[in-house]
């Protein structure tokens, strides 16, 4: 998985490419821990994300909880496959997906 980050003021945008699974979720979690401290808004761009597993969902839930008190988190450009995972797991009801 490739993680591309852009910081614009207090907005952190994270674009993911590839698979967010058991092998790559710890990398994303470590990257977020480094950058979430100063961010008031977190935006994930999933345009090139091919797959997400339960380990990836856990990282998203942790980030969502951390950002809820600050300003929020949203996910954009979600593929049909990833959206289906969000729908089946109930994450579509928790996360802000554009």
PDB file of N, CA and C in Angstrom:
ATOM      1  N   UNK A   1       0.843  -1.179   0.000  1.00  0.00           N
ATOM      2  CA  UNK A   1       0.000   0.000   0.000  1.00  0.00           C
ATOM      3  C   UNK A   1       0.886   1.240   0.000  1.00  0.00           C
ATOM      4  N   UNK A   2       0.435   2.242  -0.725  1.00  0.00           N
ATOM      5  CA  UNK A   2       1.119   3.531  -0.757  1.00  0.00           C
ATOM      6  C   UNK A   2       0.267   4.552  -0.011  1.00  0.00           C
ATOM      7  N   UNK A   3       0.915   5.334   0.846  1.00  0.00           N
ATOM      8  CA  UNK A   3       0.240   6.386   1.608  1.00  0.00           C
ATOM      9  C   UNK A   3       0.799   7.723   1.147  1.00  0.00           C
ATOM     10  N   UNK A   4      -0.078   8.579   0.625  1.00  0.00           N
ATOM     11  CA  UNK A   4       0.313   9.928   0.228  1.00  0.00           C
ATOM     12  C   UNK A   4      -0.412  10.914   1.128  1.00  0.00           C
ATOM     13  N   UNK A   5       0.361  11.754   1.824  1.00  0.00           N
ATOM     14  CA  UNK A   5      -0.229  12.718   2.755  1.00  0.00           C
ATOM     15  C   UNK A   5       0.008  14.137   2.273  1.00  0.00           C
ATOM     16  N   UNK A   6      -1.014  14.976   2.477  1.00  0.00           N
ATOM     17  CA  UNK A   6      -0.906  16.408   2.227  1.00  0.00           C
ATOM     18  C   UNK A   6      -1.447  17.121   3.454  1.00  0.00           C
ATOM     19  N   UNK A   7      -0.706  18.090   3.929  1.00  0.00           N
ATOM     20  CA  UNK A   7      -1.176  18.892   5.049  1.00  0.00           C
ATOM     21  C   UNK A   7      -1.405  20.308   4.542  1.00  0.00           C
ATOM     22  N   UNK A   8      -2.630  20.779   4.709  1.00  0.00           N
ATOM     23  CA  UNK A   8      -3.006  22.115   4.278  1.00  0.00           C
ATOM     24  C   UNK A   8      -3.570  22.833   5.502  1.00  0.00           C
ATOM     25  N   UNK A   9      -2.734  23.579   6.177  1.00  0.00           N
ATOM     26  CA  UNK A   9      -3.158  24.227   7.421  1.00  0.00           C
ATOM     27  C   UNK A   9      -3.409  23.175   8.478  1.00  0.00           C
ATOM     28  N   UNK A  10      -4.661  23.096   8.939  1.00  0.00           N
ATOM     29  CA  UNK A  10      -4.993  22.087   9.945  1.00  0.00           C
ATOM     30  C   UNK A  10      -5.810  20.932   9.351  1.00  0.00           C
ATOM     31  N   UNK A  11      -5.749  20.788   8.023  1.00  0.00           N
ATOM     32  CA  UNK A  11      -6.430  19.692   7.332  1.00  0.00           C
ATOM     33  C   UNK A  11      -5.391  18.698   6.828  1.00  0.00           C
ATOM     34  N   UNK A  12      -5.563  17.450   7.219  1.00  0.00           N
ATOM     35  CA  UNK A  12      -4.684  16.373   6.768  1.00  0.00           C
ATOM     36  C   UNK A  12      -5.447  15.534   5.759  1.00  0.00           C
ATOM     37  N   UNK A  13      -4.914  15.430   4.546  1.00  0.00           N
ATOM     38  CA  UNK A  13      -5.528  14.582   3.526  1.00  0.00           C
ATOM     39  C   UNK A  13      -4.610  13.393   3.276  1.00  0.00           C
ATOM     40  N   UNK A  14      -5.186  12.209   3.359  1.00  0.00           N
ATOM     41  CA  UNK A  14      -4.440  10.972   3.195  1.00  0.00           C
ATOM     42  C   UNK A  14      -5.044  10.182   2.043  1.00  0.00           C
ATOM     43  N   UNK A  15      -4.255   9.982   0.984  1.00  0.00           N
ATOM     44  CA  UNK A  15      -4.693   9.183  -0.161  1.00  0.00           C
ATOM     45  C   UNK A  15      -4.032   7.812  -0.069  1.00  0.00           C
ATOM     46  N   UNK A  16      -4.836   6.775  -0.160  1.00  0.00           N
ATOM     47  CA  UNK A  16      -4.324   5.413  -0.062  1.00  0.00           C
ATOM     48  C   UNK A  16      -4.412   4.728  -1.416  1.00  0.00           C
ATOM     49  N   UNK A  17      -3.392   3.936  -1.712  1.00  0.00           N
ATOM     50  CA  UNK A  17      -3.346   3.203  -2.972  1.00  0.00           C
ATOM     51  C   UNK A  17      -2.979   1.759  -2.680  1.00  0.00           C
ATOM     52  N   UNK A  18      -3.773   0.825  -3.180  1.00  0.00           N
ATOM     53  CA  UNK A  18      -3.488  -0.591  -2.968  1.00  0.00           C
ATOM     54  C   UNK A  18      -4.481  -1.226  -2.022  1.00  0.00           C
ATOM     55  N   UNK A  19      -3.960  -2.017  -1.082  1.00  0.00           N
ATOM     56  CA  UNK A  19      -4.781  -2.790  -0.154  1.00  0.00           C
ATOM     57  C   UNK A  19      -4.519  -2.355   1.284  1.00  0.00           C
ATOM     58  N   UNK A  20      -5.588  -2.098   2.012  1.00  0.00           N
ATOM     59  CA  UNK A  20      -5.491  -1.798   3.445  1.00  0.00           C
ATOM     60  C   UNK A  20      -5.934  -3.058   4.179  1.00  0.00           C
ATOM     61  N   UNK A  21      -4.953  -3.839   4.622  1.00  0.00           N
ATOM     62  CA  UNK A  21      -5.243  -5.135   5.223  1.00  0.00           C
ATOM     63  C   UNK A  21      -4.349  -5.368   6.443  1.00  0.00           C
ATOM     64  N   UNK A  22      -4.282  -6.597   6.896  1.00  0.00           N
ATOM     65  CA  UNK A  22      -3.514  -6.935   8.096  1.00  0.00           C
ATOM     66  C   UNK A  22      -2.048  -6.546   7.979  1.00  0.00           C
ATOM     67  N   UNK A  23      -1.509  -6.659   6.786  1.00  0.00           N
ATOM     68  CA  UNK A  23      -0.096  -6.353   6.579  1.00  0.00           C
ATOM     69  C   UNK A  23       0.187  -4.851   6.536  1.00  0.00           C
ATOM     70  N   UNK A  24      -0.757  -4.069   6.022  1.00  0.00           N
ATOM     71  CA  UNK A  24      -0.504  -2.635   5.807  1.00  0.00           C
ATOM     72  C   UNK A  24      -1.170  -1.722   6.848  1.00  0.00           C
ATOM     73  N   UNK A  25      -2.150  -2.220   7.572  1.00  0.00           N
ATOM     74  CA  UNK A  25      -2.857  -1.388   8.555  1.00  0.00           C
ATOM     75  C   UNK A  25      -1.927  -0.802   9.617  1.00  0.00           C
ATOM     76  N   UNK A  26      -0.949  -1.562  10.149  1.00  0.00           N
ATOM     77  CA  UNK A  26      -0.046  -0.961  11.145  1.00  0.00           C
ATOM     78  C   UNK A  26       0.749   0.228  10.598  1.00  0.00           C
ATOM     79  N   UNK A  27       1.095   0.191   9.320  1.00  0.00           N
ATOM     80  CA  UNK A  27       1.818   1.309   8.702  1.00  0.00           C
ATOM     81  C   UNK A  27       0.946   2.562   8.686  1.00  0.00           C
ATOM     82  N   UNK A  28      -0.316   2.405   8.286  1.00  0.00           N
ATOM     83  CA  UNK A  28      -1.231   3.553   8.273  1.00  0.00           C
ATOM     84  C   UNK A  28      -1.452   4.068   9.684  1.00  0.00           C
ATOM     85  N   UNK A  29      -1.629   3.172  10.631  1.00  0.00           N
ATOM     86  CA  UNK A  29      -1.843   3.572  12.023  1.00  0.00           C
ATOM     87  C   UNK A  29      -0.662   4.395  12.541  1.00  0.00           C
ATOM     88  N   UNK A  30       0.551   3.976  12.231  1.00  0.00           N
ATOM     89  CA  UNK A  30       1.749   4.708  12.662  1.00  0.00           C
ATOM     90  C   UNK A  30       1.821   6.087  12.011  1.00  0.00           C
ATOM     91  N   UNK A  31       1.502   6.150  10.723  1.00  0.00           N
ATOM     92  CA  UNK A  31       1.512   7.441  10.018  1.00  0.00           C
ATOM     93  C   UNK A  31       0.487   8.399  10.622  1.00  0.00           C
ATOM     94  N   UNK A  32      -0.693   7.902  10.935  1.00  0.00           N
ATOM     95  CA  UNK A  32      -1.739   8.755  11.501  1.00  0.00           C
ATOM     96  C   UNK A  32      -1.352   9.249  12.888  1.00  0.00           C
ATOM     97  N   UNK A  33      -0.743   8.393  13.690  1.00  0.00           N
ATOM     98  CA  UNK A  33      -0.319   8.817  15.029  1.00  0.00           C
ATOM     99  C   UNK A  33       0.657   9.986  14.953  1.00  0.00           C
ATOM    100  N   UNK A  34       1.497   9.983  13.933  1.00  0.00           N
ATOM    101  CA  UNK A  34       2.476  11.065  13.772  1.00  0.00           C
ATOM    102  C   UNK A  34       1.831  12.385  13.380  1.00  0.00           C
ATOM    103  N   UNK A  35       0.737  12.338  12.624  1.00  0.00           N
ATOM    104  CA  UNK A  35       0.202  13.554  12.013  1.00  0.00           C
ATOM    105  C   UNK A  35      -1.131  14.049  12.566  1.00  0.00           C
ATOM    106  N   UNK A  36      -1.843  13.241  13.330  1.00  0.00           N
ATOM    107  CA  UNK A  36      -3.169  13.661  13.785  1.00  0.00           C
ATOM    108  C   UNK A  36      -3.139  14.708  14.884  1.00  0.00           C
ATOM    109  N   UNK A  37      -2.024  14.856  15.559  1.00  0.00           N
ATOM    110  CA  UNK A  37      -1.939  15.794  16.673  1.00  0.00           C
ATOM    111  C   UNK A  37      -2.326  17.212  16.323  1.00  0.00           C
ATOM    112  N   UNK A  38      -1.882  17.693  15.173  1.00  0.00           N
ATOM    113  CA  UNK A  38      -2.151  19.078  14.777  1.00  0.00           C
ATOM    114  C   UNK A  38      -3.348  19.224  13.851  1.00  0.00           C
ATOM    115  N   UNK A  39      -3.884  18.130  13.369  1.00  0.00           N
ATOM    116  CA  UNK A  39      -4.981  18.193  12.395  1.00  0.00           C
ATOM    117  C   UNK A  39      -6.323  18.404  13.093  1.00  0.00           C
ATOM    118  N   UNK A  40      -7.141  19.257  12.492  1.00  0.00           N
ATOM    119  CA  UNK A  40      -8.508  19.447  12.970  1.00  0.00           C
ATOM    120  C   UNK A  40      -9.502  18.732  12.068  1.00  0.00           C
ATOM    121  N   UNK A  41      -9.057  18.401  10.863  1.00  0.00           N
ATOM    122  CA  UNK A  41      -9.911  17.654   9.937  1.00  0.00           C
ATOM    123  C   UNK A  41      -9.048  16.619   9.217  1.00  0.00           C
ATOM    124  N   UNK A  42      -9.613  15.442   9.045  1.00  0.00           N
ATOM    125  CA  UNK A  42      -8.926  14.350   8.354  1.00  0.00           C
ATOM    126  C   UNK A  42      -9.770  13.927   7.169  1.00  0.00           C
ATOM    127  N   UNK A  43      -9.156  13.913   5.999  1.00  0.00           N
ATOM    128  CA  UNK A  43      -9.852  13.496   4.785  1.00  0.00           C
ATOM    129  C   UNK A  43      -9.085  12.320   4.185  1.00  0.00           C
ATOM    130  N   UNK A  44      -9.787  11.214   3.990  1.00  0.00           N
ATOM    131  CA  UNK A  44      -9.204  10.064   3.297  1.00  0.00           C
ATOM    132  C   UNK A  44      -9.681  10.068   1.859  1.00  0.00           C
ATOM    133  N   UNK A  45      -8.768   9.869   0.927  1.00  0.00           N
ATOM    134  CA  UNK A  45      -9.116   9.710  -0.483  1.00  0.00           C
ATOM    135  C   UNK A  45      -8.863   8.248  -0.844  1.00  0.00           C
ATOM    136  N   UNK A  46      -9.944   7.531  -1.139  1.00  0.00           N
ATOM    137  CA  UNK A  46      -9.859   6.098  -1.425  1.00  0.00           C
ATOM    138  C   UNK A  46      -9.980   5.801  -2.911  1.00  0.00           C
ATOM    139  N   UNK A  47      -9.695   6.778  -3.756  1.00  0.00           N
ATOM    140  CA  UNK A  47      -9.841   6.592  -5.206  1.00  0.00           C
ATOM    141  C   UNK A  47      -9.054   5.375  -5.702  1.00  0.00           C
ATOM    142  N   UNK A  48      -7.869   5.147  -5.144  1.00  0.00           N
ATOM    143  CA  UNK A  48      -7.019   4.050  -5.609  1.00  0.00           C
ATOM    144  C   UNK A  48      -6.918   2.914  -4.593  1.00  0.00           C
ATOM    145  N   UNK A  49      -7.804   2.921  -3.589  1.00  0.00           N
ATOM    146  CA  UNK A  49      -7.821   1.827  -2.620  1.00  0.00           C
ATOM    147  C   UNK A  49      -8.619   0.673  -3.210  1.00  0.00           C
ATOM    148  N   UNK A  50      -7.987  -0.484  -3.309  1.00  0.00           N
ATOM    149  CA  UNK A  50      -8.597  -1.641  -3.960  1.00  0.00           C
ATOM    150  C   UNK A  50      -9.353  -2.538  -2.986  1.00  0.00           C
ATOM    151  N   UNK A  51      -8.934  -2.552  -1.725  1.00  0.00           N
ATOM    152  CA  UNK A  51      -9.475  -3.519  -0.777  1.00  0.00           C
ATOM    153  C   UNK A  51      -9.270  -3.007   0.641  1.00  0.00           C
ATOM    154  N   UNK A  52     -10.202  -3.339   1.531  1.00  0.00           N
ATOM    155  CA  UNK A  52     -10.047  -3.023   2.950  1.00  0.00           C
ATOM    156  C   UNK A  52     -10.500  -4.224   3.766  1.00  0.00           C
ATOM    157  N   UNK A  53      -9.697  -4.594   4.771  1.00  0.00           N
ATOM    158  CA  UNK A  53     -10.027  -5.721   5.636  1.00  0.00           C
ATOM    159  C   UNK A  53     -10.480  -5.204   6.997  1.00  0.00           C
ATOM    160  N   UNK A  54     -10.766  -6.127   7.896  1.00  0.00           N
ATOM    161  CA  UNK A  54     -11.182  -5.733   9.241  1.00  0.00           C
ATOM    162  C   UNK A  54     -10.072  -4.967   9.973  1.00  0.00           C
ATOM    163  N   UNK A  55      -8.822  -5.295   9.674  1.00  0.00           N
ATOM    164  CA  UNK A  55      -7.712  -4.552  10.286  1.00  0.00           C
ATOM    165  C   UNK A  55      -7.724  -3.103   9.811  1.00  0.00           C
ATOM    166  N   UNK A  56      -8.026  -2.878   8.554  1.00  0.00           N
ATOM    167  CA  UNK A  56      -8.141  -1.526   8.021  1.00  0.00           C
ATOM    168  C   UNK A  56      -9.319  -0.787   8.625  1.00  0.00           C
ATOM    169  N   UNK A  57     -10.424  -1.496   8.802  1.00  0.00           N
ATOM    170  CA  UNK A  57     -11.600  -0.886   9.414  1.00  0.00           C
ATOM    171  C   UNK A  57     -11.292  -0.434  10.840  1.00  0.00           C
ATOM    172  N   UNK A  58     -10.511  -1.225  11.556  1.00  0.00           N
ATOM    173  CA  UNK A  58     -10.135  -0.867  12.926  1.00  0.00           C
ATOM    174  C   UNK A  58      -9.348   0.441  12.956  1.00  0.00           C
ATOM    175  N   UNK A  59      -8.429   0.601  12.015  1.00  0.00           N
ATOM    176  CA  UNK A  59      -7.636   1.833  11.945  1.00  0.00           C
ATOM    177  C   UNK A  59      -8.551   3.021  11.650  1.00  0.00           C
ATOM    178  N   UNK A  60      -9.497   2.837  10.731  1.00  0.00           N
ATOM    179  CA  UNK A  60     -10.439   3.921  10.416  1.00  0.00           C
ATOM    180  C   UNK A  60     -11.287   4.296  11.623  1.00  0.00           C
ATOM    181  N   UNK A  61     -11.747   3.292  12.367  1.00  0.00           N
ATOM    182  CA  UNK A  61     -12.565   3.560  13.546  1.00  0.00           C
ATOM    183  C   UNK A  61     -11.771   4.313  14.610  1.00  0.00           C
ATOM    184  N   UNK A  62     -10.532   3.932  14.804  1.00  0.00           N
ATOM    185  CA  UNK A  62      -9.662   4.630  15.758  1.00  0.00           C
ATOM    186  C   UNK A  62      -9.456   6.082  15.344  1.00  0.00           C
ATOM    187  N   UNK A  63      -9.202   6.303  14.060  1.00  0.00           N
ATOM    188  CA  UNK A  63      -9.016   7.666  13.549  1.00  0.00           C
ATOM    189  C   UNK A  63     -10.304   8.469  13.682  1.00  0.00           C
ATOM    190  N   UNK A  64     -11.428   7.836  13.399  1.00  0.00           N
ATOM    191  CA  UNK A  64     -12.729   8.500  13.501  1.00  0.00           C
ATOM    192  C   UNK A  64     -12.970   8.971  14.940  1.00  0.00           C
ATOM    193  N   UNK A  65     -12.678   8.115  15.896  1.00  0.00           N
ATOM    194  CA  UNK A  65     -12.858   8.488  17.312  1.00  0.00           C
ATOM    195  C   UNK A  65     -11.939   9.632  17.699  1.00  0.00           C
ATOM    196  N   UNK A  66     -10.698   9.593  17.237  1.00  0.00           N
ATOM    197  CA  UNK A  66      -9.743  10.654  17.557  1.00  0.00           C
ATOM    198  C   UNK A  66     -10.168  11.986  16.955  1.00  0.00           C
ATOM    199  N   UNK A  67     -10.728  11.948  15.760  1.00  0.00           N
ATOM    200  CA  UNK A  67     -11.081  13.189  15.069  1.00  0.00           C
ATOM    201  C   UNK A  67     -12.458  13.714  15.462  1.00  0.00           C
ATOM    202  N   UNK A  68     -13.295  12.893  16.040  1.00  0.00           N
ATOM    203  CA  UNK A  68     -14.657  13.322  16.405  1.00  0.00           C
ATOM    204  C   UNK A  68     -14.644  14.523  17.348  1.00  0.00           C
ATOM    205  N   UNK A  69     -13.689  14.561  18.237  1.00  0.00           N
ATOM    206  CA  UNK A  69     -13.612  15.659  19.202  1.00  0.00           C
ATOM    207  C   UNK A  69     -12.973  16.907  18.609  1.00  0.00           C
ATOM    208  N   UNK A  70     -12.324  16.782  17.472  1.00  0.00           N
ATOM    209  CA  UNK A  70     -11.570  17.899  16.898  1.00  0.00           C
ATOM    210  C   UNK A  70     -12.319  18.635  15.798  1.00  0.00           C
ATOM    211  N   UNK A  71     -12.869  17.937  14.864  1.00  0.00           N
ATOM    212  CA  UNK A  71     -13.496  18.603  13.732  1.00  0.00           C
ATOM    213  C   UNK A  71     -14.072  17.619  12.741  1.00  0.00           C
ATOM    214  N   UNK A  72     -13.599  16.395  12.780  1.00  0.00           N
ATOM    215  CA  UNK A  72     -14.218  15.386  11.958  1.00  0.00           C
ATOM    216  C   UNK A  72     -13.299  14.710  10.969  1.00  0.00           C
ATOM    217  N   UNK A  73     -13.865  13.680  10.375  1.00  0.00           N
ATOM    218  CA  UNK A  73     -13.162  12.873   9.395  1.00  0.00           C
ATOM    219  C   UNK A  73     -14.144  12.517   8.300  1.00  0.00           C
ATOM    220  N   UNK A  74     -13.668  12.543   7.059  1.00  0.00           N
ATOM    221  CA  UNK A  74     -14.523  12.103   5.968  1.00  0.00           C
ATOM    222  C   UNK A  74     -13.706  11.283   4.976  1.00  0.00           C
ATOM    223  N   UNK A  75     -14.424  10.472   4.228  1.00  0.00           N
ATOM    224  CA  UNK A  75     -13.812   9.602   3.234  1.00  0.00           C
ATOM    225  C   UNK A  75     -14.453   9.916   1.895  1.00  0.00           C
ATOM    226  N   UNK A  76     -13.609  10.079   0.872  1.00  0.00           N
ATOM    227  CA  UNK A  76     -14.150  10.391  -0.454  1.00  0.00           C
ATOM    228  C   UNK A  76     -13.601   9.408  -1.493  1.00  0.00           C
ATOM    229  N   UNK A  77     -14.277   9.365  -2.637  1.00  0.00           N
ATOM    230  CA  UNK A  77     -13.874   8.535  -3.777  1.00  0.00           C
ATOM    231  C   UNK A  77     -13.802   7.050  -3.424  1.00  0.00           C
ATOM    232  N   UNK A  78     -14.840   6.541  -2.810  1.00  0.00           N
ATOM    233  CA  UNK A  78     -14.877   5.144  -2.382  1.00  0.00           C
ATOM    234  C   UNK A  78     -15.356   4.262  -3.540  1.00  0.00           C
ATOM    235  N   UNK A  79     -14.613   3.183  -3.801  1.00  0.00           N
ATOM    236  CA  UNK A  79     -14.996   2.245  -4.861  1.00  0.00           C
ATOM    237  C   UNK A  79     -16.206   1.420  -4.423  1.00  0.00           C
ATOM    238  N   UNK A  80     -16.830   0.752  -5.374  1.00  0.00           N
ATOM    239  CA  UNK A  80     -17.996  -0.075  -5.054  1.00  0.00           C
ATOM    240  C   UNK A  80     -17.639  -1.194  -4.084  1.00  0.00           C
ATOM    241  N   UNK A  81     -16.482  -1.814  -4.276  1.00  0.00           N
ATOM    242  CA  UNK A  81     -16.065  -2.918  -3.418  1.00  0.00           C
ATOM    243  C   UNK A  81     -15.858  -2.456  -1.977  1.00  0.00           C
ATOM    244  N   UNK A  82     -15.177  -1.339  -1.793  1.00  0.00           N
ATOM    245  CA  UNK A  82     -14.946  -0.815  -0.443  1.00  0.00           C
ATOM    246  C   UNK A  82     -16.264  -0.338   0.162  1.00  0.00           C
ATOM    247  N   UNK A  83     -17.121   0.283  -0.633  1.00  0.00           N
ATOM    248  CA  UNK A  83     -18.424   0.726  -0.135  1.00  0.00           C
ATOM    249  C   UNK A  83     -19.254  -0.465   0.326  1.00  0.00           C
ATOM    250  N   UNK A  84     -19.160  -1.565  -0.389  1.00  0.00           N
ATOM    251  CA  UNK A  84     -19.888  -2.769   0.002  1.00  0.00           C
ATOM    252  C   UNK A  84     -19.410  -3.272   1.371  1.00  0.00           C
ATOM    253  N   UNK A  85     -18.107  -3.223   1.614  1.00  0.00           N
ATOM    254  CA  UNK A  85     -17.571  -3.603   2.928  1.00  0.00           C
ATOM    255  C   UNK A  85     -18.121  -2.666   4.000  1.00  0.00           C
ATOM    256  N   UNK A  86     -18.147  -1.364   3.726  1.00  0.00           N
ATOM    257  CA  UNK A  86     -18.696  -0.398   4.680  1.00  0.00           C
ATOM    258  C   UNK A  86     -20.169  -0.691   4.957  1.00  0.00           C
ATOM    259  N   UNK A  87     -20.932  -1.015   3.905  1.00  0.00           N
ATOM    260  CA  UNK A  87     -22.363  -1.291   4.062  1.00  0.00           C
ATOM    261  C   UNK A  87     -22.609  -2.547   4.899  1.00  0.00           C
ATOM    262  N   UNK A  88     -21.902  -3.619   4.576  1.00  0.00           N
ATOM    263  CA  UNK A  88     -22.101  -4.900   5.255  1.00  0.00           C
ATOM    264  C   UNK A  88     -21.701  -4.831   6.724  1.00  0.00           C
ATOM    265  N   UNK A  89     -20.657  -4.091   7.022  1.00  0.00           N
ATOM    266  CA  UNK A  89     -20.154  -4.013   8.399  1.00  0.00           C
ATOM    267  C   UNK A  89     -20.850  -2.949   9.240  1.00  0.00           C
ATOM    268  N   UNK A  90     -21.653  -2.106   8.620  1.00  0.00           N
ATOM    269  CA  UNK A  90     -22.310  -1.022   9.346  1.00  0.00           C
ATOM    270  C   UNK A  90     -21.478   0.233   9.447  1.00  0.00           C
ATOM    271  N   UNK A  91     -20.271   0.222   8.882  1.00  0.00           N
ATOM    272  CA  UNK A  91     -19.411   1.398   8.919  1.00  0.00           C
ATOM    273  C   UNK A  91     -19.995   2.546   8.097  1.00  0.00           C
ATOM    274  N   UNK A  92     -20.844   2.230   7.126  1.00  0.00           N
ATOM    275  CA  UNK A  92     -21.469   3.280   6.314  1.00  0.00           C
ATOM    276  C   UNK A  92     -22.352   4.179   7.185  1.00  0.00           C
ATOM    277  N   UNK A  93     -22.855   3.641   8.287  1.00  0.00           N
ATOM    278  CA  UNK A  93     -23.691   4.415   9.202  1.00  0.00           C
ATOM    279  C   UNK A  93     -22.872   5.240  10.175  1.00  0.00           C
ATOM    280  N   UNK A  94     -21.606   4.884  10.351  1.00  0.00           N
ATOM    281  CA  UNK A  94     -20.749   5.564  11.332  1.00  0.00           C
ATOM    282  C   UNK A  94     -19.903   6.655  10.674  1.00  0.00           C
ATOM    283  N   UNK A  95     -19.337   6.322   9.512  1.00  0.00           N
ATOM    284  CA  UNK A  95     -18.388   7.206   8.839  1.00  0.00           C
ATOM    285  C   UNK A  95     -19.089   8.196   7.910  1.00  0.00           C
ATOM    286  N   UNK A  96     -18.448   9.329   7.677  1.00  0.00           N
ATOM    287  CA  UNK A  96     -18.939  10.297   6.699  1.00  0.00           C
ATOM    288  C   UNK A  96     -18.269   9.969   5.368  1.00  0.00           C
ATOM    289  N   UNK A  97     -19.079   9.481   4.413  1.00  0.00           N
ATOM    290  CA  UNK A  97     -18.570   9.039   3.121  1.00  0.00           C
ATOM    291  C   UNK A  97     -19.173   9.928   2.039  1.00  0.00           C
ATOM    292  N   UNK A  98     -18.297  10.522   1.245  1.00  0.00           N
ATOM    293  CA  UNK A  98     -18.777  11.401   0.164  1.00  0.00           C
ATOM    294  C   UNK A  98     -18.571  10.751  -1.175  1.00  0.00           C
TER     295      UNK A  98
END
